[in-house]
Amino acid sequence: MRLYSNALEGSGIGSGRILCVVPANGAVAQEFLDPLFLLRERGIQVDVATPNGEMPAIEWVGRWMSWFEPWKPTRRNIGRLPEIAPVFAMNGRESALAEGYDGVLVPGGFGEELAGLIRSASFLELLRQMVERKKVIALECHSVVALCADPSLHPHKQVVCWPGGVEGLMGMLPGLGRYFMPFGEPVQDTLEKAGFQVQHSRWHPWGPHACRTGRWVTSVGPFSAPALVMAIEDALRDRQVD
């Protein structure tokens, strides 16, 4: 296992093909576009898939946050959304997509759209197909909870995710709690109940931003793109050696 701080190193691996899977609505720009364009800048091909091939819409929280993060590239990346085309359909093409890429990246997010994607039979089939082919699996923030559908898929059990204390607090907001806590309880709680070892506290003070065990990569949230990219690059290097 390796834990990553939130810093970029080197100039990138310069090769590899990653499929990024997001819902048609509800993609968080900081978890979707920021790592996508950073991976591309470092020489990795990243294509996008939604359930039926729709162009994904960026949800409102990420847009709002981007106004208060002028040091990050998020606002510029939102303007670059058309550059992600073409967008592929996931439903019914799970085997072909798993065969054609070196790995899959699943950003986190909020709301029922994300929860519906993570719970869908098509997404879980894609995940299993990727695992069977020994591809890189990278899950961000809330999407790490997908491992609980079949804990045997991840043999190592060490992960990071959206901190449970933060999610629990946001889940108490009147009228917005279900949006910010889309799986009914903090994903850290769900993961720990399923036997996963979350590598940070419930509030994540100074904790790691990404965790890699073999080909498995997990990251904390919308502020963890550099660590996520470094972990994905390391996983791709190890896969090339294998």
Protein backbone atom coordinates (compact mmCIF):
# COMPACT_ATOMS: atom_id res chain seq x y z
CA MET A 1 0.00 0.00 0.00
CA ARG A 2 1.12 3.55 -0.74
CA LEU A 3 -0.50 6.74 0.57
CA TYR A 4 -0.14 9.97 -1.42
CA SER A 5 0.12 13.59 -0.39
CA ASN A 6 -1.44 16.12 -2.73
CA ALA A 7 1.60 16.99 -4.86
CA LEU A 8 2.56 16.27 -8.46
CA GLU A 9 5.96 14.81 -9.27
CA GLY A 10 7.76 14.40 -12.58
CA SER A 11 6.33 15.01 -16.03
CA GLY A 12 3.94 12.07 -16.25
CA ILE A 13 3.93 8.52 -17.58
CA GLY A 14 3.16 9.62 -21.15
CA SER A 15 1.00 6.64 -22.10
CA GLY A 16 -2.10 4.67 -21.16
CA ARG A 17 -5.83 4.74 -21.85
CA ILE A 18 -8.36 5.47 -19.10
CA LEU A 19 -12.16 5.40 -19.33
CA CYS A 20 -13.83 7.99 -17.09
CA VAL A 21 -17.41 7.04 -16.15
CA VAL A 22 -19.80 9.74 -14.89
CA PRO A 23 -23.58 10.17 -14.59
CA ALA A 24 -25.42 12.21 -17.21
CA ASN A 25 -26.16 14.82 -14.52
CA GLY A 26 -24.37 15.58 -11.30
CA ALA A 27 -20.68 15.37 -12.27
CA VAL A 28 -18.53 17.44 -9.88
CA ALA A 29 -16.07 19.52 -11.91
CA GLN A 30 -13.26 19.23 -9.36
CA GLU A 31 -13.45 15.42 -9.39
CA PHE A 32 -14.27 14.96 -13.06
CA LEU A 33 -12.70 17.67 -15.22
CA ASP A 34 -9.68 18.60 -13.08
CA PRO A 35 -8.14 15.08 -13.00
CA LEU A 36 -9.29 14.36 -16.57
CA PHE A 37 -7.44 17.30 -18.09
CA LEU A 38 -4.45 16.82 -15.79
CA LEU A 39 -4.11 13.20 -16.91
CA ARG A 40 -4.36 14.29 -20.54
CA GLU A 41 -1.69 16.96 -20.02
CA ARG A 42 0.60 14.25 -18.64
CA GLY A 43 0.19 12.06 -21.73
CA ILE A 44 -2.63 9.69 -20.77
CA GLN A 45 -5.62 9.31 -23.08
CA VAL A 46 -8.86 9.79 -21.15
CA ASP A 47 -12.24 9.11 -22.77
CA VAL A 48 -15.63 9.65 -21.15
CA ALA A 49 -18.67 7.38 -20.84
CA THR A 50 -22.12 8.06 -19.43
CA PRO A 51 -24.94 5.51 -19.14
CA ASN A 52 -26.40 6.25 -22.58
CA GLY A 53 -23.72 8.41 -24.17
CA GLU A 54 -25.12 11.76 -23.05
CA MET A 55 -22.85 14.78 -22.67
CA PRO A 56 -22.53 15.07 -18.87
CA ALA A 57 -23.79 18.16 -17.07
CA ILE A 58 -21.67 19.75 -14.32
CA GLU A 59 -23.58 20.03 -11.08
CA TRP A 60 -24.11 23.27 -9.18
CA VAL A 61 -21.95 22.71 -6.07
CA GLY A 62 -18.75 22.31 -8.09
CA ARG A 63 -19.60 25.36 -10.18
CA TRP A 64 -20.22 27.41 -7.04
CA MET A 65 -17.03 26.18 -5.36
CA SER A 66 -14.95 27.08 -8.40
CA TRP A 67 -15.59 30.81 -7.82
CA PHE A 68 -13.79 30.53 -4.46
CA GLU A 69 -10.80 28.52 -5.77
CA PRO A 70 -9.03 30.91 -8.17
CA TRP A 71 -5.73 29.03 -7.70
CA LYS A 72 -7.25 25.88 -9.23
CA PRO A 73 -7.96 25.27 -12.94
CA THR A 74 -11.59 24.30 -12.36
CA ARG A 75 -13.29 27.35 -13.88
CA ARG A 76 -11.16 27.09 -17.00
CA ASN A 77 -11.84 23.36 -17.20
CA ILE A 78 -15.61 23.89 -16.99
CA GLY A 79 -15.27 26.05 -20.10
CA ARG A 80 -13.41 23.19 -21.78
CA LEU A 81 -16.24 20.70 -21.27
CA PRO A 82 -16.92 20.38 -25.05
CA GLU A 83 -13.35 19.05 -25.44
CA ILE A 84 -14.30 15.77 -23.75
CA ALA A 85 -16.38 14.70 -26.80
CA PRO A 86 -17.11 12.12 -28.04
CA VAL A 87 -18.93 10.62 -25.06
CA PHE A 88 -19.47 6.85 -25.19
CA ALA A 89 -22.44 4.83 -23.94
CA MET A 90 -21.72 2.42 -21.09
CA ASN A 91 -24.98 0.46 -21.04
CA GLY A 92 -24.67 -2.72 -23.06
CA ARG A 93 -21.00 -2.15 -23.93
CA GLU A 94 -19.37 -3.15 -20.65
CA SER A 95 -17.19 -5.93 -22.06
CA ALA A 96 -15.95 -3.91 -25.06
CA LEU A 97 -15.12 -0.92 -22.90
CA ALA A 98 -13.27 -3.04 -20.35
CA GLU A 99 -11.25 -4.64 -23.14
CA GLY A 100 -10.34 -1.35 -24.81
CA TYR A 101 -8.87 0.56 -21.86
CA ASP A 102 -6.09 0.14 -19.31
CA GLY A 103 -8.35 1.23 -16.49
CA VAL A 104 -11.45 3.04 -15.31
CA LEU A 105 -11.79 6.29 -13.34
CA VAL A 106 -15.03 7.00 -11.49
CA PRO A 107 -15.37 10.50 -10.00
CA GLY A 108 -17.51 11.07 -6.95
CA GLY A 109 -20.41 13.48 -6.74
CA PHE A 110 -23.72 14.19 -5.08
CA GLY A 111 -27.38 13.39 -5.47
CA GLU A 112 -29.49 10.56 -6.81
CA GLU A 113 -27.83 10.61 -10.25
CA LEU A 114 -24.53 9.45 -8.76
CA ALA A 115 -26.20 6.94 -6.46
CA GLY A 116 -28.17 5.53 -9.40
CA LEU A 117 -25.02 5.12 -11.49
CA ILE A 118 -23.04 3.40 -8.72
CA ARG A 119 -25.91 1.00 -7.96
CA SER A 120 -26.71 0.20 -11.61
CA ALA A 121 -26.21 -3.31 -12.95
CA SER A 122 -24.36 -1.92 -15.98
CA PHE A 123 -21.79 -0.07 -13.88
CA LEU A 124 -21.18 -3.04 -11.58
CA GLU A 125 -20.74 -5.28 -14.62
CA LEU A 126 -18.20 -2.85 -16.08
CA LEU A 127 -16.33 -2.87 -12.76
CA ARG A 128 -16.26 -6.66 -12.66
CA GLN A 129 -15.11 -6.85 -16.27
CA MET A 130 -12.26 -4.44 -15.50
CA VAL A 131 -11.24 -6.46 -12.44
CA GLU A 132 -11.28 -9.74 -14.37
CA ARG A 133 -8.96 -8.22 -16.99
CA LYS A 134 -6.62 -6.87 -14.29
CA LYS A 135 -7.19 -3.24 -15.27
CA VAL A 136 -6.55 -0.18 -13.07
CA ILE A 137 -9.57 0.77 -10.94
CA ALA A 138 -9.65 4.37 -9.65
CA LEU A 139 -12.56 5.48 -7.46
CA GLU A 140 -13.00 8.97 -6.01
CA CYS A 141 -14.82 10.27 -2.97
CA HIS A 142 -18.41 8.88 -2.79
CA SER A 143 -17.83 6.42 -5.65
CA VAL A 144 -15.53 4.32 -3.42
CA VAL A 145 -18.73 2.92 -1.88
CA ALA A 146 -19.19 0.88 -5.08
CA LEU A 147 -16.78 -1.64 -3.52
CA CYS A 148 -19.44 -2.56 -0.96
CA ALA A 149 -21.61 -4.12 -3.67
CA ASP A 150 -19.04 -6.92 -3.82
CA PRO A 151 -16.24 -6.52 -1.25
CA SER A 152 -14.42 -9.54 -2.71
CA LEU A 153 -13.50 -7.47 -5.78
CA HIS A 154 -10.93 -5.47 -3.77
CA PRO A 155 -8.56 -7.97 -2.14
CA HIS A 156 -6.53 -5.46 -0.13
CA LYS A 157 -9.25 -3.52 1.74
CA GLN A 158 -7.21 -0.34 2.33
CA VAL A 159 -8.98 2.75 0.94
CA VAL A 160 -9.59 6.47 1.37
CA CYS A 161 -12.92 8.20 0.68
CA TRP A 162 -15.00 11.28 1.49
CA PRO A 163 -14.55 11.77 5.27
CA GLY A 164 -17.48 10.51 7.30
CA GLY A 165 -17.56 13.43 9.72
CA VAL A 166 -17.76 15.97 6.90
CA GLU A 167 -20.45 14.01 5.06
CA GLY A 168 -22.48 13.47 8.22
CA LEU A 169 -22.45 17.19 8.94
CA MET A 170 -23.44 18.08 5.37
CA GLY A 171 -26.14 15.42 5.50
CA MET A 172 -27.85 17.37 8.31
CA LEU A 173 -28.43 20.46 6.16
CA PRO A 174 -32.20 21.14 5.84
CA GLY A 175 -33.46 20.36 2.36
CA LEU A 176 -30.00 19.39 1.09
CA GLY A 177 -29.03 16.51 3.34
CA ARG A 178 -30.07 13.78 0.92
CA TYR A 179 -28.19 15.52 -1.89
CA PHE A 180 -24.94 15.68 0.07
CA MET A 181 -25.37 12.19 1.58
CA PRO A 182 -26.81 10.28 -1.40
CA PHE A 183 -26.34 6.76 0.00
CA GLY A 184 -28.26 7.36 3.22
CA GLU A 185 -25.23 7.34 5.51
CA PRO A 186 -21.61 8.51 5.19
CA VAL A 187 -19.73 6.33 2.73
CA GLN A 188 -16.91 5.95 5.27
CA ASP A 189 -19.40 4.25 7.63
CA THR A 190 -20.61 1.91 4.87
CA LEU A 191 -17.07 0.98 3.88
CA GLU A 192 -15.97 0.29 7.45
CA LYS A 193 -19.05 -1.88 8.08
CA ALA A 194 -18.08 -3.90 4.99
CA GLY A 195 -14.59 -4.52 6.38
CA PHE A 196 -12.59 -1.84 4.55
CA GLN A 197 -9.81 -0.01 6.37
CA VAL A 198 -10.19 3.72 5.74
CA GLN A 199 -6.75 5.31 5.99
CA HIS A 200 -7.78 8.61 7.56
CA SER A 201 -9.91 9.96 10.38
CA ARG A 202 -13.54 10.97 10.03
CA TRP A 203 -12.49 14.61 9.54
CA HIS A 204 -9.33 14.02 7.46
CA PRO A 205 -7.02 16.58 9.10
CA TRP A 206 -3.67 16.27 7.31
CA GLY A 207 -4.57 12.81 6.08
CA PRO A 208 -3.56 11.17 2.79
CA HIS A 209 -5.34 12.29 -0.38
CA ALA A 210 -5.04 9.02 -2.29
CA CYS A 211 -4.32 5.37 -1.57
CA ARG A 212 -2.98 2.72 -3.95
CA THR A 213 -2.85 -1.01 -3.37
CA GLY A 214 -1.76 -2.76 -6.54
CA ARG A 215 -4.05 -1.68 -9.38
CA TRP A 216 -6.62 -0.22 -6.99
CA VAL A 217 -6.67 3.56 -6.45
CA THR A 218 -8.99 5.53 -4.18
CA SER A 219 -9.00 9.26 -3.43
CA VAL A 220 -10.61 11.56 -0.89
CA GLY A 221 -12.50 14.21 -2.80
CA PRO A 222 -12.67 17.39 -4.86
CA PHE A 223 -9.33 18.71 -3.57
CA SER A 224 -7.31 15.54 -4.30
CA ALA A 225 -6.71 15.62 -8.07
CA PRO A 226 -2.87 15.76 -7.97
CA ALA A 227 -2.63 12.79 -5.58
CA LEU A 228 -5.18 10.84 -7.63
CA VAL A 229 -3.23 11.42 -10.84
CA MET A 230 0.06 10.33 -9.25
CA ALA A 231 -1.55 7.13 -7.93
CA ILE A 232 -3.12 6.32 -11.32
CA GLU A 233 0.24 6.82 -13.05
CA ASP A 234 1.96 4.47 -10.60
CA ALA A 235 -0.76 1.85 -11.08
CA LEU A 236 -0.39 2.09 -14.86
CA ARG A 237 3.39 1.68 -14.58
CA ASP A 238 2.97 -1.46 -12.48
CA ARG A 239 0.45 -2.85 -14.96
CA GLN A 240 2.91 -2.29 -17.82
CA VAL A 241 5.57 -4.21 -15.90
CA ASP A 242 3.14 -7.09 -15.31
